[in-house]
PDB file of N, CA and C in Angstrom:
ATOM      1  N   UNK A   1      46.502 -39.420 -52.698  1.00  0.00           N
ATOM      2  CA  UNK A   1      46.674 -38.880 -51.351  1.00  0.00           C
ATOM      3  C   UNK A   1      47.957 -38.056 -51.257  1.00  0.00           C
ATOM      4  N   UNK A   2      49.027 -38.539 -51.832  1.00  0.00           N
ATOM      5  CA  UNK A   2      50.293 -37.822 -51.784  1.00  0.00           C
ATOM      6  C   UNK A   2      50.179 -36.476 -52.500  1.00  0.00           C
ATOM      7  N   UNK A   3      49.480 -36.460 -53.609  1.00  0.00           N
ATOM      8  CA  UNK A   3      49.297 -35.219 -54.363  1.00  0.00           C
ATOM      9  C   UNK A   3      48.524 -34.192 -53.535  1.00  0.00           C
ATOM     10  N   UNK A   4      47.503 -34.635 -52.852  1.00  0.00           N
ATOM     11  CA  UNK A   4      46.699 -33.741 -52.023  1.00  0.00           C
ATOM     12  C   UNK A   4      47.553 -33.108 -50.930  1.00  0.00           C
ATOM     13  N   UNK A   5      48.388 -33.888 -50.288  1.00  0.00           N
ATOM     14  CA  UNK A   5      49.260 -33.360 -49.238  1.00  0.00           C
ATOM     15  C   UNK A   5      50.203 -32.309 -49.815  1.00  0.00           C
ATOM     16  N   UNK A   6      50.749 -32.551 -50.972  1.00  0.00           N
ATOM     17  CA  UNK A   6      51.651 -31.589 -51.618  1.00  0.00           C
ATOM     18  C   UNK A   6      50.900 -30.296 -51.949  1.00  0.00           C
ATOM     19  N   UNK A   7      49.667 -30.418 -52.429  1.00  0.00           N
ATOM     20  CA  UNK A   7      48.858 -29.234 -52.725  1.00  0.00           C
ATOM     21  C   UNK A   7      48.611 -28.409 -51.465  1.00  0.00           C
ATOM     22  N   UNK A   8      48.327 -29.075 -50.358  1.00  0.00           N
ATOM     23  CA  UNK A   8      48.090 -28.380 -49.095  1.00  0.00           C
ATOM     24  C   UNK A   8      49.344 -27.629 -48.664  1.00  0.00           C
ATOM     25  N   UNK A   9      50.502 -28.249 -48.812  1.00  0.00           N
ATOM     26  CA  UNK A   9      51.770 -27.607 -48.463  1.00  0.00           C
ATOM     27  C   UNK A   9      51.992 -26.365 -49.319  1.00  0.00           C
ATOM     28  N   UNK A  10      51.708 -26.463 -50.608  1.00  0.00           N
ATOM     29  CA  UNK A  10      51.887 -25.319 -51.500  1.00  0.00           C
ATOM     30  C   UNK A  10      50.960 -24.170 -51.125  1.00  0.00           C
ATOM     31  N   UNK A  11      49.714 -24.474 -50.805  1.00  0.00           N
ATOM     32  CA  UNK A  11      48.772 -23.440 -50.377  1.00  0.00           C
ATOM     33  C   UNK A  11      49.280 -22.778 -49.094  1.00  0.00           C
ATOM     34  N   UNK A  12      49.771 -23.589 -48.175  1.00  0.00           N
ATOM     35  CA  UNK A  12      50.310 -23.056 -46.926  1.00  0.00           C
ATOM     36  C   UNK A  12      51.462 -22.094 -47.165  1.00  0.00           C
ATOM     37  N   UNK A  13      52.364 -22.457 -48.070  1.00  0.00           N
ATOM     38  CA  UNK A  13      53.493 -21.586 -48.394  1.00  0.00           C
ATOM     39  C   UNK A  13      53.012 -20.263 -48.969  1.00  0.00           C
ATOM     40  N   UNK A  14      52.001 -20.314 -49.821  1.00  0.00           N
ATOM     41  CA  UNK A  14      51.463 -19.090 -50.412  1.00  0.00           C
ATOM     42  C   UNK A  14      50.796 -18.224 -49.355  1.00  0.00           C
ATOM     43  N   UNK A  15      50.081 -18.847 -48.431  1.00  0.00           N
ATOM     44  CA  UNK A  15      49.441 -18.081 -47.356  1.00  0.00           C
ATOM     45  C   UNK A  15      50.477 -17.409 -46.457  1.00  0.00           C
ATOM     46  N   UNK A  16      51.587 -18.095 -46.201  1.00  0.00           N
ATOM     47  CA  UNK A  16      52.664 -17.505 -45.391  1.00  0.00           C
ATOM     48  C   UNK A  16      53.217 -16.260 -46.085  1.00  0.00           C
ATOM     49  N   UNK A  17      53.400 -16.330 -47.408  1.00  0.00           N
ATOM     50  CA  UNK A  17      53.906 -15.171 -48.148  1.00  0.00           C
ATOM     51  C   UNK A  17      52.921 -14.011 -48.073  1.00  0.00           C
ATOM     52  N   UNK A  18      51.638 -14.306 -48.201  1.00  0.00           N
ATOM     53  CA  UNK A  18      50.619 -13.256 -48.094  1.00  0.00           C
ATOM     54  C   UNK A  18      50.668 -12.631 -46.707  1.00  0.00           C
ATOM     55  N   UNK A  19      50.767 -13.461 -45.686  1.00  0.00           N
ATOM     56  CA  UNK A  19      50.811 -12.962 -44.308  1.00  0.00           C
ATOM     57  C   UNK A  19      52.004 -12.039 -44.106  1.00  0.00           C
ATOM     58  N   UNK A  20      53.155 -12.411 -44.648  1.00  0.00           N
ATOM     59  CA  UNK A  20      54.352 -11.586 -44.524  1.00  0.00           C
ATOM     60  C   UNK A  20      54.172 -10.240 -45.216  1.00  0.00           C
ATOM     61  N   UNK A  21      53.529 -10.233 -46.367  1.00  0.00           N
ATOM     62  CA  UNK A  21      53.312  -8.987 -47.108  1.00  0.00           C
ATOM     63  C   UNK A  21      52.332  -8.066 -46.398  1.00  0.00           C
ATOM     64  N   UNK A  22      51.311  -8.633 -45.789  1.00  0.00           N
ATOM     65  CA  UNK A  22      50.277  -7.825 -45.160  1.00  0.00           C
ATOM     66  C   UNK A  22      50.743  -7.188 -43.862  1.00  0.00           C
ATOM     67  N   UNK A  23      51.611  -7.858 -43.151  1.00  0.00           N
ATOM     68  CA  UNK A  23      52.095  -7.327 -41.888  1.00  0.00           C
ATOM     69  C   UNK A  23      51.201  -7.724 -40.728  1.00  0.00           C
ATOM     70  N   UNK A  24      51.631  -7.363 -39.540  1.00  0.00           N
ATOM     71  CA  UNK A  24      50.964  -7.775 -38.307  1.00  0.00           C
ATOM     72  C   UNK A  24      49.532  -7.239 -38.239  1.00  0.00           C
ATOM     73  N   UNK A  25      48.612  -8.124 -37.896  1.00  0.00           N
ATOM     74  CA  UNK A  25      47.235  -7.733 -37.659  1.00  0.00           C
ATOM     75  C   UNK A  25      46.358  -7.650 -38.890  1.00  0.00           C
ATOM     76  N   UNK A  26      46.925  -7.794 -40.076  1.00  0.00           N
ATOM     77  CA  UNK A  26      46.142  -7.650 -41.299  1.00  0.00           C
ATOM     78  C   UNK A  26      45.728  -8.987 -41.892  1.00  0.00           C
ATOM     79  N   UNK A  27      46.411 -10.071 -41.512  1.00  0.00           N
ATOM     80  CA  UNK A  27      46.159 -11.374 -42.116  1.00  0.00           C
ATOM     81  C   UNK A  27      44.739 -11.859 -41.838  1.00  0.00           C
ATOM     82  N   UNK A  28      44.275 -11.691 -40.610  1.00  0.00           N
ATOM     83  CA  UNK A  28      42.917 -12.102 -40.264  1.00  0.00           C
ATOM     84  C   UNK A  28      41.880 -11.352 -41.076  1.00  0.00           C
ATOM     85  N   UNK A  29      42.106 -10.054 -41.267  1.00  0.00           N
ATOM     86  CA  UNK A  29      41.201  -9.250 -42.080  1.00  0.00           C
ATOM     87  C   UNK A  29      41.184  -9.747 -43.514  1.00  0.00           C
ATOM     88  N   UNK A  30      42.359 -10.075 -44.028  1.00  0.00           N
ATOM     89  CA  UNK A  30      42.455 -10.571 -45.400  1.00  0.00           C
ATOM     90  C   UNK A  30      41.727 -11.901 -45.551  1.00  0.00           C
ATOM     91  N   UNK A  31      41.925 -12.813 -44.578  1.00  0.00           N
ATOM     92  CA  UNK A  31      41.237 -14.104 -44.632  1.00  0.00           C
ATOM     93  C   UNK A  31      39.725 -13.924 -44.643  1.00  0.00           C
ATOM     94  N   UNK A  32      39.235 -13.034 -43.792  1.00  0.00           N
ATOM     95  CA  UNK A  32      37.797 -12.788 -43.728  1.00  0.00           C
ATOM     96  C   UNK A  32      37.279 -12.246 -45.052  1.00  0.00           C
ATOM     97  N   UNK A  33      38.008 -11.305 -45.635  1.00  0.00           N
ATOM     98  CA  UNK A  33      37.582 -10.702 -46.894  1.00  0.00           C
ATOM     99  C   UNK A  33      37.679 -11.690 -48.056  1.00  0.00           C
ATOM    100  N   UNK A  34      38.740 -12.475 -48.067  1.00  0.00           N
ATOM    101  CA  UNK A  34      39.011 -13.367 -49.194  1.00  0.00           C
ATOM    102  C   UNK A  34      38.185 -14.646 -49.139  1.00  0.00           C
ATOM    103  N   UNK A  35      38.016 -15.211 -47.953  1.00  0.00           N
ATOM    104  CA  UNK A  35      37.392 -16.522 -47.811  1.00  0.00           C
ATOM    105  C   UNK A  35      36.149 -16.532 -46.931  1.00  0.00           C
ATOM    106  N   UNK A  36      35.791 -15.348 -46.414  1.00  0.00           N
ATOM    107  CA  UNK A  36      34.672 -15.241 -45.467  1.00  0.00           C
ATOM    108  C   UNK A  36      34.887 -16.133 -44.256  1.00  0.00           C
ATOM    109  N   UNK A  37      36.166 -16.211 -43.808  1.00  0.00           N
ATOM    110  CA  UNK A  37      36.526 -16.961 -42.609  1.00  0.00           C
ATOM    111  C   UNK A  37      36.477 -16.016 -41.429  1.00  0.00           C
ATOM    112  N   UNK A  38      35.951 -16.502 -40.332  1.00  0.00           N
ATOM    113  CA  UNK A  38      35.889 -15.703 -39.117  1.00  0.00           C
ATOM    114  C   UNK A  38      36.449 -16.514 -37.966  1.00  0.00           C
ATOM    115  N   UNK A  39      37.215 -15.863 -37.124  1.00  0.00           N
ATOM    116  CA  UNK A  39      37.758 -16.556 -35.956  1.00  0.00           C
ATOM    117  C   UNK A  39      37.252 -15.865 -34.705  1.00  0.00           C
ATOM    118  N   UNK A  40      37.038 -16.653 -33.688  1.00  0.00           N
ATOM    119  CA  UNK A  40      36.508 -16.113 -32.439  1.00  0.00           C
ATOM    120  C   UNK A  40      37.545 -15.330 -31.667  1.00  0.00           C
ATOM    121  N   UNK A  41      37.076 -14.380 -30.904  1.00  0.00           N
ATOM    122  CA  UNK A  41      37.952 -13.590 -30.028  1.00  0.00           C
ATOM    123  C   UNK A  41      37.544 -13.875 -28.586  1.00  0.00           C
ATOM    124  N   UNK A  42      38.176 -14.890 -27.974  1.00  0.00           N
ATOM    125  CA  UNK A  42      37.907 -15.187 -26.571  1.00  0.00           C
ATOM    126  C   UNK A  42      36.783 -16.056 -26.389  1.00  0.00           C
TER     127      UNK A  42
END
């Protein structure tokens, strides 16, 4: 369980770095393209 939590933290840190590189408004597009994740608008 402890290992899993650490892995999640590491993934989160990597996602934050990607978000910073992409800039405002591009992270959602990247998530959709990379993981086929979609978020609702309203």
